[in-house]
Amino acid sequence: MKERAFISIQELANILGISRIAVYKKVKSGKIRAIKIGRSFAIPQKYVSGILGKSLTEIDKKEIDEAVKKTVKDYGEVLKRLGRD
């Protein structure tokens, strides 16, 4: 299936896990590039990766996993207590 050139405000909101209004405000303020089509906006797909950030390499993933394991080892009891609150 061919990848689309644009995504909608609602689709980007779903991807980012924020409200449609929050995305709309970011578009209006210029923080997110978009093209106005009639009364709607379309976000070019090529800008979505810039919004979401770069993909993680295997080395990055390994470093993150090690950091999480160390944090759980060092602060496991504190994290459990915080989870109860």
PDB file of N, CA and C in Angstrom:
ATOM      1  N   MET A   1       0.834  -1.185   0.000  1.00  0.00           N
ATOM      2  CA  MET A   1       0.000   0.000   0.000  1.00  0.00           C
ATOM      3  C   MET A   1       0.875   1.243   0.000  1.00  0.00           C
ATOM      4  N   LYS A   2       0.541   2.197  -0.819  1.00  0.00           N
ATOM      5  CA  LYS A   2       1.323   3.420  -0.952  1.00  0.00           C
ATOM      6  C   LYS A   2       1.075   4.331   0.252  1.00  0.00           C
ATOM      7  N   GLU A   3       2.161   4.916   0.761  1.00  0.00           N
ATOM      8  CA  GLU A   3       2.046   5.836   1.893  1.00  0.00           C
ATOM      9  C   GLU A   3       1.475   7.165   1.410  1.00  0.00           C
ATOM     10  N   ARG A   4       0.554   7.708   2.195  1.00  0.00           N
ATOM     11  CA  ARG A   4      -0.069   8.976   1.837  1.00  0.00           C
ATOM     12  C   ARG A   4       0.904  10.131   2.032  1.00  0.00           C
ATOM     13  N   ALA A   5       0.716  11.196   1.269  1.00  0.00           N
ATOM     14  CA  ALA A   5       1.607  12.357   1.348  1.00  0.00           C
ATOM     15  C   ALA A   5       1.257  13.261   2.530  1.00  0.00           C
ATOM     16  N   PHE A   6      -0.001  13.211   2.995  1.00  0.00           N
ATOM     17  CA  PHE A   6      -0.453  14.097   4.074  1.00  0.00           C
ATOM     18  C   PHE A   6      -1.238  13.315   5.112  1.00  0.00           C
ATOM     19  N   ILE A   7      -1.260  13.850   6.335  1.00  0.00           N
ATOM     20  CA  ILE A   7      -2.151  13.313   7.364  1.00  0.00           C
ATOM     21  C   ILE A   7      -2.970  14.467   7.927  1.00  0.00           C
ATOM     22  N   SER A   8      -4.086  14.138   8.530  1.00  0.00           N
ATOM     23  CA  SER A   8      -4.981  15.162   9.065  1.00  0.00           C
ATOM     24  C   SER A   8      -4.576  15.557  10.482  1.00  0.00           C
ATOM     25  N   ILE A   9      -5.164  16.637  10.950  1.00  0.00           N
ATOM     26  CA  ILE A   9      -4.953  17.101  12.327  1.00  0.00           C
ATOM     27  C   ILE A   9      -5.353  15.988  13.302  1.00  0.00           C
ATOM     28  N   GLN A  10      -6.498  15.360  13.066  1.00  0.00           N
ATOM     29  CA  GLN A  10      -6.983  14.305  13.962  1.00  0.00           C
ATOM     30  C   GLN A  10      -6.033  13.116  13.983  1.00  0.00           C
ATOM     31  N   GLU A  11      -5.523  12.729  12.827  1.00  0.00           N
ATOM     32  CA  GLU A  11      -4.590  11.601  12.776  1.00  0.00           C
ATOM     33  C   GLU A  11      -3.314  11.908  13.546  1.00  0.00           C
ATOM     34  N   LEU A  12      -2.788  13.129  13.401  1.00  0.00           N
ATOM     35  CA  LEU A  12      -1.587  13.500  14.142  1.00  0.00           C
ATOM     36  C   LEU A  12      -1.870  13.552  15.639  1.00  0.00           C
ATOM     37  N   ALA A  13      -3.040  14.033  16.016  1.00  0.00           N
ATOM     38  CA  ALA A  13      -3.422  14.057  17.437  1.00  0.00           C
ATOM     39  C   ALA A  13      -3.430  12.640  18.002  1.00  0.00           C
ATOM     40  N   ASN A  14      -3.974  11.696  17.251  1.00  0.00           N
ATOM     41  CA  ASN A  14      -3.993  10.296  17.694  1.00  0.00           C
ATOM     42  C   ASN A  14      -2.580   9.737  17.833  1.00  0.00           C
ATOM     43  N   ILE A  15      -1.705  10.055  16.890  1.00  0.00           N
ATOM     44  CA  ILE A  15      -0.323   9.573  16.929  1.00  0.00           C
ATOM     45  C   ILE A  15       0.409  10.142  18.147  1.00  0.00           C
ATOM     46  N   LEU A  16       0.229  11.437  18.395  1.00  0.00           N
ATOM     47  CA  LEU A  16       0.931  12.100  19.495  1.00  0.00           C
ATOM     48  C   LEU A  16       0.273  11.867  20.850  1.00  0.00           C
ATOM     49  N   GLY A  17      -0.975  11.419  20.840  1.00  0.00           N
ATOM     50  CA  GLY A  17      -1.686  11.196  22.092  1.00  0.00           C
ATOM     51  C   GLY A  17      -2.129  12.480  22.752  1.00  0.00           C
ATOM     52  N   ILE A  18      -2.405  13.503  21.951  1.00  0.00           N
ATOM     53  CA  ILE A  18      -2.905  14.778  22.477  1.00  0.00           C
ATOM     54  C   ILE A  18      -4.207  15.121  21.767  1.00  0.00           C
ATOM     55  N   SER A  19      -4.847  16.170  22.217  1.00  0.00           N
ATOM     56  CA  SER A  19      -6.136  16.523  21.634  1.00  0.00           C
ATOM     57  C   SER A  19      -5.979  17.158  20.253  1.00  0.00           C
ATOM     58  N   ARG A  20      -7.047  17.096  19.513  1.00  0.00           N
ATOM     59  CA  ARG A  20      -7.104  17.718  18.185  1.00  0.00           C
ATOM     60  C   ARG A  20      -6.893  19.224  18.310  1.00  0.00           C
ATOM     61  N   ILE A  21      -7.465  19.819  19.349  1.00  0.00           N
ATOM     62  CA  ILE A  21      -7.328  21.264  19.576  1.00  0.00           C
ATOM     63  C   ILE A  21      -5.870  21.629  19.856  1.00  0.00           C
ATOM     64  N   ALA A  22      -5.166  20.795  20.629  1.00  0.00           N
ATOM     65  CA  ALA A  22      -3.755  21.058  20.932  1.00  0.00           C
ATOM     66  C   ALA A  22      -2.926  21.057  19.651  1.00  0.00           C
ATOM     67  N   VAL A  23      -3.203  20.114  18.750  1.00  0.00           N
ATOM     68  CA  VAL A  23      -2.480  20.070  17.472  1.00  0.00           C
ATOM     69  C   VAL A  23      -2.835  21.301  16.648  1.00  0.00           C
ATOM     70  N   TYR A  24      -4.097  21.640  16.610  1.00  0.00           N
ATOM     71  CA  TYR A  24      -4.543  22.815  15.851  1.00  0.00           C
ATOM     72  C   TYR A  24      -3.828  24.069  16.348  1.00  0.00           C
ATOM     73  N   LYS A  25      -3.708  24.238  17.664  1.00  0.00           N
ATOM     74  CA  LYS A  25      -3.016  25.409  18.232  1.00  0.00           C
ATOM     75  C   LYS A  25      -1.544  25.424  17.830  1.00  0.00           C
ATOM     76  N   LYS A  26      -0.910  24.242  17.798  1.00  0.00           N
ATOM     77  CA  LYS A  26       0.493  24.161  17.385  1.00  0.00           C
ATOM     78  C   LYS A  26       0.648  24.510  15.908  1.00  0.00           C
ATOM     79  N   VAL A  27      -0.323  24.133  15.101  1.00  0.00           N
ATOM     80  CA  VAL A  27      -0.298  24.486  13.684  1.00  0.00           C
ATOM     81  C   VAL A  27      -0.459  26.000  13.538  1.00  0.00           C
ATOM     82  N   LYS A  28      -1.426  26.563  14.241  1.00  0.00           N
ATOM     83  CA  LYS A  28      -1.684  28.005  14.139  1.00  0.00           C
ATOM     84  C   LYS A  28      -0.494  28.831  14.632  1.00  0.00           C
ATOM     85  N   SER A  29       0.242  28.320  15.649  1.00  0.00           N
ATOM     86  CA  SER A  29       1.390  29.056  16.179  1.00  0.00           C
ATOM     87  C   SER A  29       2.656  28.824  15.350  1.00  0.00           C
ATOM     88  N   GLY A  30       2.607  27.886  14.405  1.00  0.00           N
ATOM     89  CA  GLY A  30       3.754  27.619  13.557  1.00  0.00           C
ATOM     90  C   GLY A  30       4.694  26.548  14.079  1.00  0.00           C
ATOM     91  N   LYS A  31       4.368  25.915  15.198  1.00  0.00           N
ATOM     92  CA  LYS A  31       5.221  24.863  15.750  1.00  0.00           C
ATOM     93  C   LYS A  31       5.145  23.582  14.919  1.00  0.00           C
ATOM     94  N   ILE A  32       4.018  23.389  14.256  1.00  0.00           N
ATOM     95  CA  ILE A  32       3.845  22.254  13.342  1.00  0.00           C
ATOM     96  C   ILE A  32       3.504  22.824  11.972  1.00  0.00           C
ATOM     97  N   ARG A  33       4.258  22.410  10.956  1.00  0.00           N
ATOM     98  CA  ARG A  33       3.996  22.879   9.599  1.00  0.00           C
ATOM     99  C   ARG A  33       2.774  22.170   9.039  1.00  0.00           C
ATOM    100  N   ALA A  34       1.918  22.932   8.381  1.00  0.00           N
ATOM    101  CA  ALA A  34       0.725  22.355   7.764  1.00  0.00           C
ATOM    102  C   ALA A  34       0.324  23.212   6.575  1.00  0.00           C
ATOM    103  N   ILE A  35      -0.431  22.610   5.700  1.00  0.00           N
ATOM    104  CA  ILE A  35      -0.955  23.293   4.525  1.00  0.00           C
ATOM    105  C   ILE A  35      -2.452  23.440   4.701  1.00  0.00           C
ATOM    106  N   LYS A  36      -2.956  24.635   4.463  1.00  0.00           N
ATOM    107  CA  LYS A  36      -4.390  24.867   4.584  1.00  0.00           C
ATOM    108  C   LYS A  36      -5.054  24.471   3.267  1.00  0.00           C
ATOM    109  N   ILE A  37      -6.040  23.607   3.376  1.00  0.00           N
ATOM    110  CA  ILE A  37      -6.809  23.159   2.218  1.00  0.00           C
ATOM    111  C   ILE A  37      -8.265  23.456   2.535  1.00  0.00           C
ATOM    112  N   GLY A  38      -8.776  24.506   1.945  1.00  0.00           N
ATOM    113  CA  GLY A  38     -10.138  24.937   2.270  1.00  0.00           C
ATOM    114  C   GLY A  38     -10.185  25.390   3.720  1.00  0.00           C
ATOM    115  N   ARG A  39     -11.033  24.764   4.514  1.00  0.00           N
ATOM    116  CA  ARG A  39     -11.138  25.090   5.937  1.00  0.00           C
ATOM    117  C   ARG A  39     -10.325  24.146   6.813  1.00  0.00           C
ATOM    118  N   SER A  40      -9.663  23.178   6.203  1.00  0.00           N
ATOM    119  CA  SER A  40      -8.925  22.161   6.941  1.00  0.00           C
ATOM    120  C   SER A  40      -7.423  22.326   6.741  1.00  0.00           C
ATOM    121  N   PHE A  41      -6.679  21.611   7.564  1.00  0.00           N
ATOM    122  CA  PHE A  41      -5.227  21.591   7.444  1.00  0.00           C
ATOM    123  C   PHE A  41      -4.772  20.178   7.143  1.00  0.00           C
ATOM    124  N   ALA A  42      -3.678  20.072   6.390  1.00  0.00           N
ATOM    125  CA  ALA A  42      -3.042  18.793   6.116  1.00  0.00           C
ATOM    126  C   ALA A  42      -1.574  18.922   6.494  1.00  0.00           C
ATOM    127  N   ILE A  43      -1.068  17.929   7.206  1.00  0.00           N
ATOM    128  CA  ILE A  43       0.327  17.939   7.625  1.00  0.00           C
ATOM    129  C   ILE A  43       1.096  17.019   6.683  1.00  0.00           C
ATOM    130  N   PRO A  44       2.118  17.551   6.008  1.00  0.00           N
ATOM    131  CA  PRO A  44       2.907  16.699   5.119  1.00  0.00           C
ATOM    132  C   PRO A  44       3.546  15.544   5.896  1.00  0.00           C
ATOM    133  N   GLN A  45       3.453  14.354   5.347  1.00  0.00           N
ATOM    134  CA  GLN A  45       3.967  13.154   6.002  1.00  0.00           C
ATOM    135  C   GLN A  45       5.450  13.287   6.312  1.00  0.00           C
ATOM    136  N   LYS A  46       6.203  13.989   5.465  1.00  0.00           N
ATOM    137  CA  LYS A  46       7.648  14.108   5.685  1.00  0.00           C
ATOM    138  C   LYS A  46       7.962  14.900   6.957  1.00  0.00           C
ATOM    139  N   TYR A  47       7.037  15.738   7.434  1.00  0.00           N
ATOM    140  CA  TYR A  47       7.273  16.487   8.668  1.00  0.00           C
ATOM    141  C   TYR A  47       6.903  15.693   9.910  1.00  0.00           C
ATOM    142  N   VAL A  48       6.127  14.641   9.746  1.00  0.00           N
ATOM    143  CA  VAL A  48       5.685  13.850  10.892  1.00  0.00           C
ATOM    144  C   VAL A  48       6.876  13.201  11.583  1.00  0.00           C
ATOM    145  N   SER A  49       7.823  12.677  10.817  1.00  0.00           N
ATOM    146  CA  SER A  49       8.995  12.054  11.446  1.00  0.00           C
ATOM    147  C   SER A  49       9.799  13.085  12.228  1.00  0.00           C
ATOM    148  N   GLY A  50       9.839  14.319  11.768  1.00  0.00           N
ATOM    149  CA  GLY A  50      10.521  15.378  12.501  1.00  0.00           C
ATOM    150  C   GLY A  50       9.798  15.733  13.790  1.00  0.00           C
ATOM    151  N   ILE A  51       8.483  15.641  13.772  1.00  0.00           N
ATOM    152  CA  ILE A  51       7.680  15.919  14.962  1.00  0.00           C
ATOM    153  C   ILE A  51       7.860  14.796  15.973  1.00  0.00           C
ATOM    154  N   LEU A  52       7.864  13.568  15.488  1.00  0.00           N
ATOM    155  CA  LEU A  52       7.959  12.413  16.374  1.00  0.00           C
ATOM    156  C   LEU A  52       9.382  12.138  16.829  1.00  0.00           C
ATOM    157  N   GLY A  53      10.353  12.628  16.115  1.00  0.00           N
ATOM    158  CA  GLY A  53      11.749  12.363  16.457  1.00  0.00           C
ATOM    159  C   GLY A  53      12.308  11.249  15.604  1.00  0.00           C
ATOM    160  N   LYS A  54      13.594  11.028  15.766  1.00  0.00           N
ATOM    161  CA  LYS A  54      14.250  10.012  14.949  1.00  0.00           C
ATOM    162  C   LYS A  54      13.951   8.615  15.481  1.00  0.00           C
ATOM    163  N   SER A  55      14.148   7.652  14.637  1.00  0.00           N
ATOM    164  CA  SER A  55      13.983   6.260  15.049  1.00  0.00           C
ATOM    165  C   SER A  55      15.162   5.862  15.920  1.00  0.00           C
ATOM    166  N   LEU A  56      14.904   4.978  16.860  1.00  0.00           N
ATOM    167  CA  LEU A  56      15.964   4.514  17.744  1.00  0.00           C
ATOM    168  C   LEU A  56      16.767   3.405  17.075  1.00  0.00           C
ATOM    169  N   THR A  57      18.069   3.469  17.270  1.00  0.00           N
ATOM    170  CA  THR A  57      18.927   2.391  16.793  1.00  0.00           C
ATOM    171  C   THR A  57      18.941   1.298  17.849  1.00  0.00           C
ATOM    172  N   GLU A  58      19.493   0.151  17.488  1.00  0.00           N
ATOM    173  CA  GLU A  58      19.604  -0.951  18.452  1.00  0.00           C
ATOM    174  C   GLU A  58      20.478  -0.551  19.631  1.00  0.00           C
ATOM    175  N   ILE A  59      21.518   0.234  19.378  1.00  0.00           N
ATOM    176  CA  ILE A  59      22.387   0.708  20.465  1.00  0.00           C
ATOM    177  C   ILE A  59      21.607   1.611  21.415  1.00  0.00           C
ATOM    178  N   ASP A  60      20.790   2.528  20.854  1.00  0.00           N
ATOM    179  CA  ASP A  60      19.962   3.403  21.684  1.00  0.00           C
ATOM    180  C   ASP A  60      19.011   2.583  22.552  1.00  0.00           C
ATOM    181  N   LYS A  61      18.378   1.579  21.946  1.00  0.00           N
ATOM    182  CA  LYS A  61      17.433   0.736  22.686  1.00  0.00           C
ATOM    183  C   LYS A  61      18.126  -0.002  23.820  1.00  0.00           C
ATOM    184  N   LYS A  62      19.347  -0.502  23.543  1.00  0.00           N
ATOM    185  CA  LYS A  62      20.100  -1.224  24.564  1.00  0.00           C
ATOM    186  C   LYS A  62      20.460  -0.290  25.719  1.00  0.00           C
ATOM    187  N   GLU A  63      20.879   0.933  25.420  1.00  0.00           N
ATOM    188  CA  GLU A  63      21.216   1.912  26.461  1.00  0.00           C
ATOM    189  C   GLU A  63      19.991   2.249  27.315  1.00  0.00           C
ATOM    190  N   ILE A  64      18.856   2.391  26.679  1.00  0.00           N
ATOM    191  CA  ILE A  64      17.623   2.691  27.407  1.00  0.00           C
ATOM    192  C   ILE A  64      17.255   1.522  28.318  1.00  0.00           C
ATOM    193  N   ASP A  65      17.324   0.303  27.788  1.00  0.00           N
ATOM    194  CA  ASP A  65      17.024  -0.885  28.593  1.00  0.00           C
ATOM    195  C   ASP A  65      17.936  -0.977  29.805  1.00  0.00           C
ATOM    196  N   GLU A  66      19.233  -0.732  29.603  1.00  0.00           N
ATOM    197  CA  GLU A  66      20.182  -0.785  30.717  1.00  0.00           C
ATOM    198  C   GLU A  66      19.879   0.294  31.749  1.00  0.00           C
ATOM    199  N   ALA A  67      19.530   1.479  31.310  1.00  0.00           N
ATOM    200  CA  ALA A  67      19.199   2.568  32.228  1.00  0.00           C
ATOM    201  C   ALA A  67      17.946   2.237  33.032  1.00  0.00           C
ATOM    202  N   VAL A  68      16.953   1.644  32.389  1.00  0.00           N
ATOM    203  CA  VAL A  68      15.721   1.260  33.086  1.00  0.00           C
ATOM    204  C   VAL A  68      16.023   0.185  34.125  1.00  0.00           C
ATOM    205  N   LYS A  69      16.811  -0.822  33.748  1.00  0.00           N
ATOM    206  CA  LYS A  69      17.168  -1.885  34.693  1.00  0.00           C
ATOM    207  C   LYS A  69      17.915  -1.330  35.896  1.00  0.00           C
ATOM    208  N   LYS A  70      18.846  -0.405  35.659  1.00  0.00           N
ATOM    209  CA  LYS A  70      19.604   0.206  36.755  1.00  0.00           C
ATOM    210  C   LYS A  70      18.681   1.017  37.660  1.00  0.00           C
ATOM    211  N   THR A  71      17.773   1.761  37.073  1.00  0.00           N
ATOM    212  CA  THR A  71      16.837   2.567  37.859  1.00  0.00           C
ATOM    213  C   THR A  71      15.955   1.676  38.717  1.00  0.00           C
ATOM    214  N   VAL A  72      15.444   0.609  38.147  1.00  0.00           N
ATOM    215  CA  VAL A  72      14.589  -0.312  38.904  1.00  0.00           C
ATOM    216  C   VAL A  72      15.393  -0.970  40.021  1.00  0.00           C
ATOM    217  N   LYS A  73      16.630  -1.344  39.723  1.00  0.00           N
ATOM    218  CA  LYS A  73      17.492  -1.964  40.743  1.00  0.00           C
ATOM    219  C   LYS A  73      17.761  -0.988  41.892  1.00  0.00           C
ATOM    220  N   ASP A  74      18.114   0.251  41.550  1.00  0.00           N
ATOM    221  CA  ASP A  74      18.481   1.243  42.564  1.00  0.00           C
ATOM    222  C   ASP A  74      17.282   1.824  43.309  1.00  0.00           C
ATOM    223  N   TYR A  75      16.164   1.986  42.622  1.00  0.00           N
ATOM    224  CA  TYR A  75      15.020   2.697  43.199  1.00  0.00           C
ATOM    225  C   TYR A  75      13.735   1.886  43.165  1.00  0.00           C
ATOM    226  N   GLY A  76      13.841   0.574  43.034  1.00  0.00           N
ATOM    227  CA  GLY A  76      12.667  -0.285  42.908  1.00  0.00           C
ATOM    228  C   GLY A  76      11.656  -0.102  44.015  1.00  0.00           C
ATOM    229  N   GLU A  77      12.112  -0.077  45.255  1.00  0.00           N
ATOM    230  CA  GLU A  77      11.197   0.068  46.395  1.00  0.00           C
ATOM    231  C   GLU A  77      10.494   1.424  46.378  1.00  0.00           C
ATOM    232  N   VAL A  78      11.229   2.464  46.058  1.00  0.00           N
ATOM    233  CA  VAL A  78      10.637   3.803  45.976  1.00  0.00           C
ATOM    234  C   VAL A  78       9.596   3.851  44.860  1.00  0.00           C
ATOM    235  N   LEU A  79       9.907   3.242  43.733  1.00  0.00           N
ATOM    236  CA  LEU A  79       8.964   3.225  42.607  1.00  0.00           C
ATOM    237  C   LEU A  79       7.690   2.473  42.980  1.00  0.00           C
ATOM    238  N   LYS A  80       7.822   1.387  43.724  1.00  0.00           N
ATOM    239  CA  LYS A  80       6.648   0.635  44.173  1.00  0.00           C
ATOM    240  C   LYS A  80       5.775   1.510  45.073  1.00  0.00           C
ATOM    241  N   ARG A  81       6.421   2.221  45.987  1.00  0.00           N
ATOM    242  CA  ARG A  81       5.658   3.100  46.896  1.00  0.00           C
ATOM    243  C   ARG A  81       4.972   4.227  46.128  1.00  0.00           C
ATOM    244  N   LEU A  82       5.654   4.792  45.171  1.00  0.00           N
ATOM    245  CA  LEU A  82       5.042   5.854  44.367  1.00  0.00           C
ATOM    246  C   LEU A  82       3.874   5.330  43.554  1.00  0.00           C
ATOM    247  N   GLY A  83       3.973   4.083  43.108  1.00  0.00           N
ATOM    248  CA  GLY A  83       2.893   3.480  42.324  1.00  0.00           C
ATOM    249  C   GLY A  83       1.633   3.252  43.136  1.00  0.00           C
ATOM    250  N   ARG A  84       1.766   3.141  44.443  1.00  0.00           N
ATOM    251  CA  ARG A  84       0.594   2.934  45.305  1.00  0.00           C
ATOM    252  C   ARG A  84      -0.183   4.230  45.518  1.00  0.00           C
ATOM    253  N   ASP A  85       0.475   5.369  45.385  1.00  0.00           N
ATOM    254  CA  ASP A  85      -0.189   6.659  45.654  1.00  0.00           C
ATOM    255  C   ASP A  85      -1.149   7.058  44.579  1.00  0.00           C
TER     256      ASP A  85
END
